[in-house]
Each structure stands twice: as structure tokens, then as C-alpha cells.
Amino acid sequence: MIEIDKDRIYSLDELINLYNMSNLEFKYYGNNKNGTLEFYMKTDANKVSVFSSIDSKLSKQDYIKLNEEEARKIKFKFNREVDDLELDIVAIVLKTSDVNIPCSRYSLETLDKLTKEQDKEDRSKNDTLEDGIVYIIVDNNTGCSLYDGVYTFDKNNKGLIEDLKVKSETEESDLLKNNLNMILNYYESLDKQIEKSL
């Protein structure tokens, strides 16, 4: 296990030299004024630590223009720890109609919980816009898209995972059916591993 000083400020160069980088991404999609970067690295057998950049004066476009030497000087501070397994298959919300589910990357467990919460609410009807989320589920290790779809909030629905189960039974494409089964098997195995660790 790698000991992390959670109060210390590190340069990107220091983090890369100390730990194995598993990913570097912008925290906010499409927000060019906010160039916050998140640095992911494996720091334990089952954990990934996430550091966030603290150089708030730079926009996303400013970051992109930096050469490698300049980029390695960006300052980061520890932000949070994530279960490694939760990062294998993730859901990315691309479009949303609800303020409680902003467009971002989510673990399947988190997005399932959020969609269940929204299903319970009394929703106002809008004839021109669908009330729900547009999402894509990806294999985070390879970057491959596994499935994409729309989830509509409704009191008769039971969350994202139940919706994926229904879609897996009606899906006509063998590839997408296999992908859905893989996603569901992953979710169930993740659920069991989390239960064991409690």
C-alpha cells in the first residue's frame, strides 16, 4: 500500500514519478472555462486515489496548449479514494433533464441509485422534451463502448439496472445482448464483492 500525504500539494511530475497513472481527465465536460484535471492512480490492491488540480486560473484550452514540461508543473491535491472495481465498467450521462443527475461519469451502482430516486418523484409533463437521461456504458479499461440508451423517469420504472435487464431480454442484436449480459454480470459480481467487504 502506498502512503499518501492527503494534505500535501504535488506537481503532476511528482505524482507520475511516485505512482502509476491510470488516467488523467478533465472533471467538467464541455466547460472550457474550468480546466480542473483529475489524476487517477492505483495506490492499493483495491483502491484508486484521485487527485484534483488546484491551478484554477487556467482554462481547459490553456491546459491543452501546454507542452509536456509545462503540464508536469501543474499542482494537484488529494481529493478522494475510489474502489478499483467500480472503475472497470462505468456509465457516462451525456444529456439530462434533471438537476440531481448532472452529465458526468458514474459507477453503475451510483447511477442506478440516482435513477431510482428520480422515479419516485412526481414529474411534470413536457410534450417536447423527454424526461430522463441519455447515457453510454463503457469498458473503462479499453475505452470501448458497450451500450448506449435513454432512461426515462417514471414511477413504474425501477432504476437503470432493472431497465437494462428488460432491454437484455428484448434486444435483437447478439452483440448488444452479450454486452448487456456482461454489464449485468459485472454489476452483480461487484455487488457481491462489496457485500463481502462489509
C-alpha atoms as a PDB file:
ATOM      1  CA  MET A   1       0.000   0.000   0.000  1.00  0.00           C
ATOM      2  CA  ILE A   2       1.284   3.472  -0.916  1.00  0.00           C
ATOM      3  CA  GLU A   3       1.178   6.076   1.835  1.00  0.00           C
ATOM      4  CA  ILE A   4      -0.366   9.337   0.641  1.00  0.00           C
ATOM      5  CA  ASP A   5       0.038  12.698   2.311  1.00  0.00           C
ATOM      6  CA  LYS A   6      -3.530  13.946   1.842  1.00  0.00           C
ATOM      7  CA  ASP A   7      -2.611  17.498   2.823  1.00  0.00           C
ATOM      8  CA  ARG A   8       0.437  17.867   0.609  1.00  0.00           C
ATOM      9  CA  ILE A   9       0.403  19.626  -2.759  1.00  0.00           C
ATOM     10  CA  TYR A  10       2.118  17.601  -5.513  1.00  0.00           C
ATOM     11  CA  SER A  11       3.175  18.564  -9.021  1.00  0.00           C
ATOM     12  CA  LEU A  12       1.909  16.300 -11.798  1.00  0.00           C
ATOM     13  CA  ASP A  13       5.535  15.312 -12.392  1.00  0.00           C
ATOM     14  CA  GLU A  14       5.883  14.130  -8.774  1.00  0.00           C
ATOM     15  CA  LEU A  15       2.672  12.085  -8.968  1.00  0.00           C
ATOM     16  CA  ILE A  16       3.738  10.420 -12.215  1.00  0.00           C
ATOM     17  CA  ASN A  17       7.148   9.578 -10.748  1.00  0.00           C
ATOM     18  CA  LEU A  18       5.722   8.287  -7.457  1.00  0.00           C
ATOM     19  CA  TYR A  19       2.718   6.314  -8.689  1.00  0.00           C
ATOM     20  CA  ASN A  20       1.371   4.563 -11.768  1.00  0.00           C
ATOM     21  CA  MET A  21      -1.068   6.831 -13.593  1.00  0.00           C
ATOM     22  CA  SER A  22      -4.231   5.018 -14.601  1.00  0.00           C
ATOM     23  CA  ASN A  23      -5.972   8.050 -16.104  1.00  0.00           C
ATOM     24  CA  LEU A  24      -5.916  11.837 -16.435  1.00  0.00           C
ATOM     25  CA  GLU A  25      -9.165  13.559 -17.355  1.00  0.00           C
ATOM     26  CA  PHE A  26     -10.991  16.876 -17.247  1.00  0.00           C
ATOM     27  CA  LYS A  27     -13.515  16.926 -14.435  1.00  0.00           C
ATOM     28  CA  TYR A  28     -16.044  19.038 -16.320  1.00  0.00           C
ATOM     29  CA  TYR A  29     -17.053  18.037 -19.844  1.00  0.00           C
ATOM     30  CA  GLY A  30     -17.650  20.925 -22.214  1.00  0.00           C
ATOM     31  CA  ASN A  31     -16.823  23.623 -19.654  1.00  0.00           C
ATOM     32  CA  ASN A  32     -13.803  25.282 -21.226  1.00  0.00           C
ATOM     33  CA  LYS A  33     -13.541  27.956 -18.531  1.00  0.00           C
ATOM     34  CA  ASN A  34     -12.987  25.364 -15.822  1.00  0.00           C
ATOM     35  CA  GLY A  35      -9.901  23.325 -16.611  1.00  0.00           C
ATOM     36  CA  THR A  36      -9.882  21.160 -13.479  1.00  0.00           C
ATOM     37  CA  LEU A  37      -7.966  17.944 -14.105  1.00  0.00           C
ATOM     38  CA  GLU A  38      -8.327  14.691 -12.182  1.00  0.00           C
ATOM     39  CA  PHE A  39      -5.364  12.338 -11.875  1.00  0.00           C
ATOM     40  CA  TYR A  40      -6.233   8.683 -11.140  1.00  0.00           C
ATOM     41  CA  MET A  41      -3.660   6.267  -9.765  1.00  0.00           C
ATOM     42  CA  LYS A  42      -3.694   2.851  -8.147  1.00  0.00           C
ATOM     43  CA  THR A  43      -2.485   3.184  -4.570  1.00  0.00           C
ATOM     44  CA  ASP A  44      -3.742  -0.068  -3.031  1.00  0.00           C
ATOM     45  CA  ALA A  45      -4.786  -3.544  -4.160  1.00  0.00           C
ATOM     46  CA  ASN A  46      -8.443  -2.481  -4.410  1.00  0.00           C
ATOM     47  CA  LYS A  47      -8.279   1.311  -4.359  1.00  0.00           C
ATOM     48  CA  VAL A  48      -7.616   4.158  -6.771  1.00  0.00           C
ATOM     49  CA  SER A  49      -6.733   7.600  -5.418  1.00  0.00           C
ATOM     50  CA  VAL A  50      -7.922  10.686  -7.235  1.00  0.00           C
ATOM     51  CA  PHE A  51      -6.008  13.979  -7.123  1.00  0.00           C
ATOM     52  CA  SER A  52      -7.549  17.229  -8.451  1.00  0.00           C
ATOM     53  CA  SER A  53      -5.635  20.123  -9.955  1.00  0.00           C
ATOM     54  CA  ILE A  54      -5.616  23.341  -7.939  1.00  0.00           C
ATOM     55  CA  ASP A  55      -4.380  25.708 -10.671  1.00  0.00           C
ATOM     56  CA  SER A  56      -7.775  27.356 -11.082  1.00  0.00           C
ATOM     57  CA  LYS A  57      -6.529  30.274 -13.210  1.00  0.00           C
ATOM     58  CA  LEU A  58      -6.051  28.086 -16.289  1.00  0.00           C
ATOM     59  CA  SER A  59      -8.952  27.238 -18.588  1.00  0.00           C
ATOM     60  CA  LYS A  60      -9.278  23.903 -20.350  1.00  0.00           C
ATOM     61  CA  GLN A  61      -7.948  25.486 -23.548  1.00  0.00           C
ATOM     62  CA  ASP A  62      -4.945  26.810 -21.585  1.00  0.00           C
ATOM     63  CA  TYR A  63      -4.156  23.293 -20.372  1.00  0.00           C
ATOM     64  CA  ILE A  64      -4.373  21.834 -23.863  1.00  0.00           C
ATOM     65  CA  LYS A  65      -1.878  24.396 -25.192  1.00  0.00           C
ATOM     66  CA  LEU A  66       0.765  23.475 -22.587  1.00  0.00           C
ATOM     67  CA  ASN A  67       3.745  21.387 -23.662  1.00  0.00           C
ATOM     68  CA  GLU A  68       4.594  18.298 -21.586  1.00  0.00           C
ATOM     69  CA  GLU A  69       7.191  20.052 -19.439  1.00  0.00           C
ATOM     70  CA  GLU A  70       4.725  22.825 -18.557  1.00  0.00           C
ATOM     71  CA  ALA A  71       1.904  20.335 -17.917  1.00  0.00           C
ATOM     72  CA  ARG A  72       4.054  18.377 -15.462  1.00  0.00           C
ATOM     73  CA  LYS A  73       4.316  21.515 -13.283  1.00  0.00           C
ATOM     74  CA  ILE A  74       0.544  21.669 -12.642  1.00  0.00           C
ATOM     75  CA  LYS A  75      -0.232  21.356  -8.927  1.00  0.00           C
ATOM     76  CA  PHE A  76      -2.550  18.674  -7.535  1.00  0.00           C
ATOM     77  CA  LYS A  77      -4.034  17.797  -4.155  1.00  0.00           C
ATOM     78  CA  PHE A  78      -5.670  14.578  -2.922  1.00  0.00           C
ATOM     79  CA  ASN A  79      -9.431  14.618  -3.489  1.00  0.00           C
ATOM     80  CA  ARG A  80     -10.909  11.154  -2.839  1.00  0.00           C
ATOM     81  CA  GLU A  81     -10.459   7.405  -2.966  1.00  0.00           C
ATOM     82  CA  VAL A  82     -12.457   5.103  -5.259  1.00  0.00           C
ATOM     83  CA  ASP A  83     -12.945   1.327  -5.260  1.00  0.00           C
ATOM     84  CA  ASP A  84     -10.915  -0.035  -8.174  1.00  0.00           C
ATOM     85  CA  LEU A  85     -13.692  -2.409  -9.262  1.00  0.00           C
ATOM     86  CA  GLU A  86     -16.161   0.462  -9.675  1.00  0.00           C
ATOM     87  CA  LEU A  87     -13.988   1.907 -12.446  1.00  0.00           C
ATOM     88  CA  ASP A  88     -13.946  -1.175 -14.712  1.00  0.00           C
ATOM     89  CA  ILE A  89     -17.335  -0.520 -16.325  1.00  0.00           C
ATOM     90  CA  VAL A  90     -18.813   2.959 -15.952  1.00  0.00           C
ATOM     91  CA  ALA A  91     -21.790   4.921 -17.211  1.00  0.00           C
ATOM     92  CA  ILE A  92     -21.430   8.388 -18.700  1.00  0.00           C
ATOM     93  CA  VAL A  93     -24.510  10.617 -18.706  1.00  0.00           C
ATOM     94  CA  LEU A  94     -24.376  12.650 -21.916  1.00  0.00           C
ATOM     95  CA  LYS A  95     -27.670  14.550 -21.571  1.00  0.00           C
ATOM     96  CA  THR A  96     -30.012  15.063 -18.640  1.00  0.00           C
ATOM     97  CA  SER A  97     -33.352  16.653 -17.787  1.00  0.00           C
ATOM     98  CA  ASP A  98     -32.810  16.516 -14.024  1.00  0.00           C
ATOM     99  CA  VAL A  99     -30.716  18.776 -11.802  1.00  0.00           C
ATOM    100  CA  ASN A 100     -29.898  15.850  -9.484  1.00  0.00           C
ATOM    101  CA  ILE A 101     -28.162  13.854 -12.242  1.00  0.00           C
ATOM    102  CA  PRO A 102     -25.727  16.188 -13.988  1.00  0.00           C
ATOM    103  CA  CYS A 103     -23.830  14.997 -17.042  1.00  0.00           C
ATOM    104  CA  SER A 104     -20.784  13.168 -15.748  1.00  0.00           C
ATOM    105  CA  ARG A 105     -19.171   9.747 -15.260  1.00  0.00           C
ATOM    106  CA  TYR A 106     -20.843   7.432 -12.723  1.00  0.00           C
ATOM    107  CA  SER A 107     -20.399   3.962 -11.304  1.00  0.00           C
ATOM    108  CA  LEU A 108     -23.310   1.693 -12.282  1.00  0.00           C
ATOM    109  CA  GLU A 109     -24.319   1.457  -8.633  1.00  0.00           C
ATOM    110  CA  THR A 110     -24.497   5.247  -8.230  1.00  0.00           C
ATOM    111  CA  LEU A 111     -26.456   5.837 -11.431  1.00  0.00           C
ATOM    112  CA  ASP A 112     -28.883   3.037 -10.557  1.00  0.00           C
ATOM    113  CA  LYS A 113     -29.494   4.632  -7.161  1.00  0.00           C
ATOM    114  CA  LEU A 114     -29.985   8.115  -8.673  1.00  0.00           C
ATOM    115  CA  THR A 115     -32.453   6.910 -11.320  1.00  0.00           C
ATOM    116  CA  LYS A 116     -34.477   5.054  -8.661  1.00  0.00           C
ATOM    117  CA  GLU A 117     -34.690   8.247  -6.615  1.00  0.00           C
ATOM    118  CA  GLN A 118     -35.924  10.253  -9.602  1.00  0.00           C
ATOM    119  CA  ASP A 119     -38.502   7.588 -10.494  1.00  0.00           C
ATOM    120  CA  LYS A 120     -40.178   8.133  -7.108  1.00  0.00           C
ATOM    121  CA  GLU A 121     -40.741  11.847  -7.703  1.00  0.00           C
ATOM    122  CA  ASP A 122     -43.851  13.415  -9.216  1.00  0.00           C
ATOM    123  CA  ARG A 123     -42.623  14.512 -12.628  1.00  0.00           C
ATOM    124  CA  SER A 124     -44.011  17.424 -14.637  1.00  0.00           C
ATOM    125  CA  LYS A 125     -45.005  16.504 -18.185  1.00  0.00           C
ATOM    126  CA  ASN A 126     -43.300  18.147 -21.148  1.00  0.00           C
ATOM    127  CA  ASP A 127     -44.507  17.231 -24.635  1.00  0.00           C
ATOM    128  CA  THR A 128     -41.376  18.495 -26.373  1.00  0.00           C
ATOM    129  CA  LEU A 129     -38.599  17.074 -24.166  1.00  0.00           C
ATOM    130  CA  GLU A 130     -38.059  13.550 -22.859  1.00  0.00           C
ATOM    131  CA  ASP A 131     -37.745  13.445 -19.063  1.00  0.00           C
ATOM    132  CA  GLY A 132     -34.698  11.330 -18.375  1.00  0.00           C
ATOM    133  CA  ILE A 133     -31.052  10.781 -19.247  1.00  0.00           C
ATOM    134  CA  VAL A 134     -29.089   9.828 -22.336  1.00  0.00           C
ATOM    135  CA  TYR A 135     -26.189   7.570 -21.335  1.00  0.00           C
ATOM    136  CA  ILE A 136     -23.385   5.413 -22.641  1.00  0.00           C
ATOM    137  CA  ILE A 137     -21.810   2.496 -20.779  1.00  0.00           C
ATOM    138  CA  VAL A 138     -18.131   1.910 -21.450  1.00  0.00           C
ATOM    139  CA  ASP A 139     -15.393  -0.540 -20.560  1.00  0.00           C
ATOM    140  CA  ASN A 140     -13.110   1.883 -18.754  1.00  0.00           C
ATOM    141  CA  ASN A 141     -10.056  -0.345 -19.251  1.00  0.00           C
ATOM    142  CA  THR A 142     -10.243  -0.421 -23.045  1.00  0.00           C
ATOM    143  CA  GLY A 143     -12.360   2.664 -23.758  1.00  0.00           C
ATOM    144  CA  CYS A 144     -14.826   0.523 -25.737  1.00  0.00           C
ATOM    145  CA  SER A 145     -18.494   1.446 -25.805  1.00  0.00           C
ATOM    146  CA  LEU A 146     -20.650  -1.444 -24.581  1.00  0.00           C
ATOM    147  CA  TYR A 147     -24.157   0.005 -24.694  1.00  0.00           C
ATOM    148  CA  ASP A 148     -25.950   3.328 -25.051  1.00  0.00           C
ATOM    149  CA  GLY A 149     -29.523   4.282 -24.428  1.00  0.00           C
ATOM    150  CA  VAL A 150     -32.126   6.558 -22.905  1.00  0.00           C
ATOM    151  CA  TYR A 151     -33.589   6.113 -19.452  1.00  0.00           C
ATOM    152  CA  THR A 152     -36.966   7.808 -18.882  1.00  0.00           C
ATOM    153  CA  PHE A 153     -38.032   8.713 -15.354  1.00  0.00           C
ATOM    154  CA  ASP A 154     -41.364   7.159 -14.412  1.00  0.00           C
ATOM    155  CA  LYS A 155     -42.983   5.836 -11.218  1.00  0.00           C
ATOM    156  CA  ASN A 156     -43.440   2.471 -12.950  1.00  0.00           C
ATOM    157  CA  ASN A 157     -39.698   2.131 -13.569  1.00  0.00           C
ATOM    158  CA  LYS A 158     -37.250   0.543 -11.117  1.00  0.00           C
ATOM    159  CA  GLY A 159     -33.897   2.153 -11.911  1.00  0.00           C
ATOM    160  CA  LEU A 160     -31.211   1.757 -14.534  1.00  0.00           C
ATOM    161  CA  ILE A 161     -30.168  -1.823 -13.727  1.00  0.00           C
ATOM    162  CA  GLU A 162     -33.729  -3.193 -13.922  1.00  0.00           C
ATOM    163  CA  ASP A 163     -34.169  -1.289 -17.191  1.00  0.00           C
ATOM    164  CA  LEU A 164     -31.001  -2.912 -18.572  1.00  0.00           C
ATOM    165  CA  LYS A 165     -32.369  -6.339 -17.554  1.00  0.00           C
ATOM    166  CA  VAL A 166     -35.555  -5.686 -19.536  1.00  0.00           C
ATOM    167  CA  LYS A 167     -33.531  -4.449 -22.515  1.00  0.00           C
ATOM    168  CA  SER A 168     -31.311  -7.544 -22.398  1.00  0.00           C
ATOM    169  CA  GLU A 169     -34.406  -9.742 -22.839  1.00  0.00           C
ATOM    170  CA  THR A 170     -35.764  -7.770 -25.797  1.00  0.00           C
ATOM    171  CA  GLU A 171     -32.503  -6.795 -27.543  1.00  0.00           C
ATOM    172  CA  GLU A 172     -32.307  -8.308 -31.034  1.00  0.00           C
ATOM    173  CA  SER A 173     -28.623  -7.658 -31.743  1.00  0.00           C
ATOM    174  CA  ASP A 174     -26.491 -10.561 -30.481  1.00  0.00           C
ATOM    175  CA  LEU A 175     -23.568  -8.222 -29.818  1.00  0.00           C
ATOM    176  CA  LEU A 176     -25.626  -5.778 -27.737  1.00  0.00           C
ATOM    177  CA  LYS A 177     -27.373  -8.641 -25.923  1.00  0.00           C
ATOM    178  CA  ASN A 178     -23.969 -10.093 -24.993  1.00  0.00           C
ATOM    179  CA  ASN A 179     -22.746  -6.665 -23.902  1.00  0.00           C
ATOM    180  CA  LEU A 180     -25.832  -6.130 -21.734  1.00  0.00           C
ATOM    181  CA  ASN A 181     -25.361  -9.536 -20.105  1.00  0.00           C
ATOM    182  CA  MET A 182     -21.704  -8.698 -19.466  1.00  0.00           C
ATOM    183  CA  ILE A 183     -22.686  -5.366 -17.859  1.00  0.00           C
ATOM    184  CA  LEU A 184     -25.295  -7.054 -15.660  1.00  0.00           C
ATOM    185  CA  ASN A 185     -22.920  -9.873 -14.656  1.00  0.00           C
ATOM    186  CA  TYR A 186     -20.286  -7.284 -13.777  1.00  0.00           C
ATOM    187  CA  TYR A 187     -22.807  -5.339 -11.671  1.00  0.00           C
ATOM    188  CA  GLU A 188     -23.892  -8.482  -9.808  1.00  0.00           C
ATOM    189  CA  SER A 189     -20.300  -9.579  -9.140  1.00  0.00           C
ATOM    190  CA  LEU A 190     -19.430  -6.067  -7.948  1.00  0.00           C
ATOM    191  CA  ASP A 191     -22.462  -6.109  -5.658  1.00  0.00           C
ATOM    192  CA  LYS A 192     -21.376  -9.440  -4.147  1.00  0.00           C
ATOM    193  CA  GLN A 193     -17.797  -8.265  -3.614  1.00  0.00           C
ATOM    194  CA  ILE A 194     -18.976  -5.103  -1.874  1.00  0.00           C
ATOM    195  CA  GLU A 195     -21.215  -7.203   0.417  1.00  0.00           C
ATOM    196  CA  LYS A 196     -18.269  -9.463   1.324  1.00  0.00           C
ATOM    197  CA  SER A 197     -16.099  -6.484   2.244  1.00  0.00           C
ATOM    198  CA  LEU A 198     -18.720  -5.073   4.657  1.00  0.00           C
END
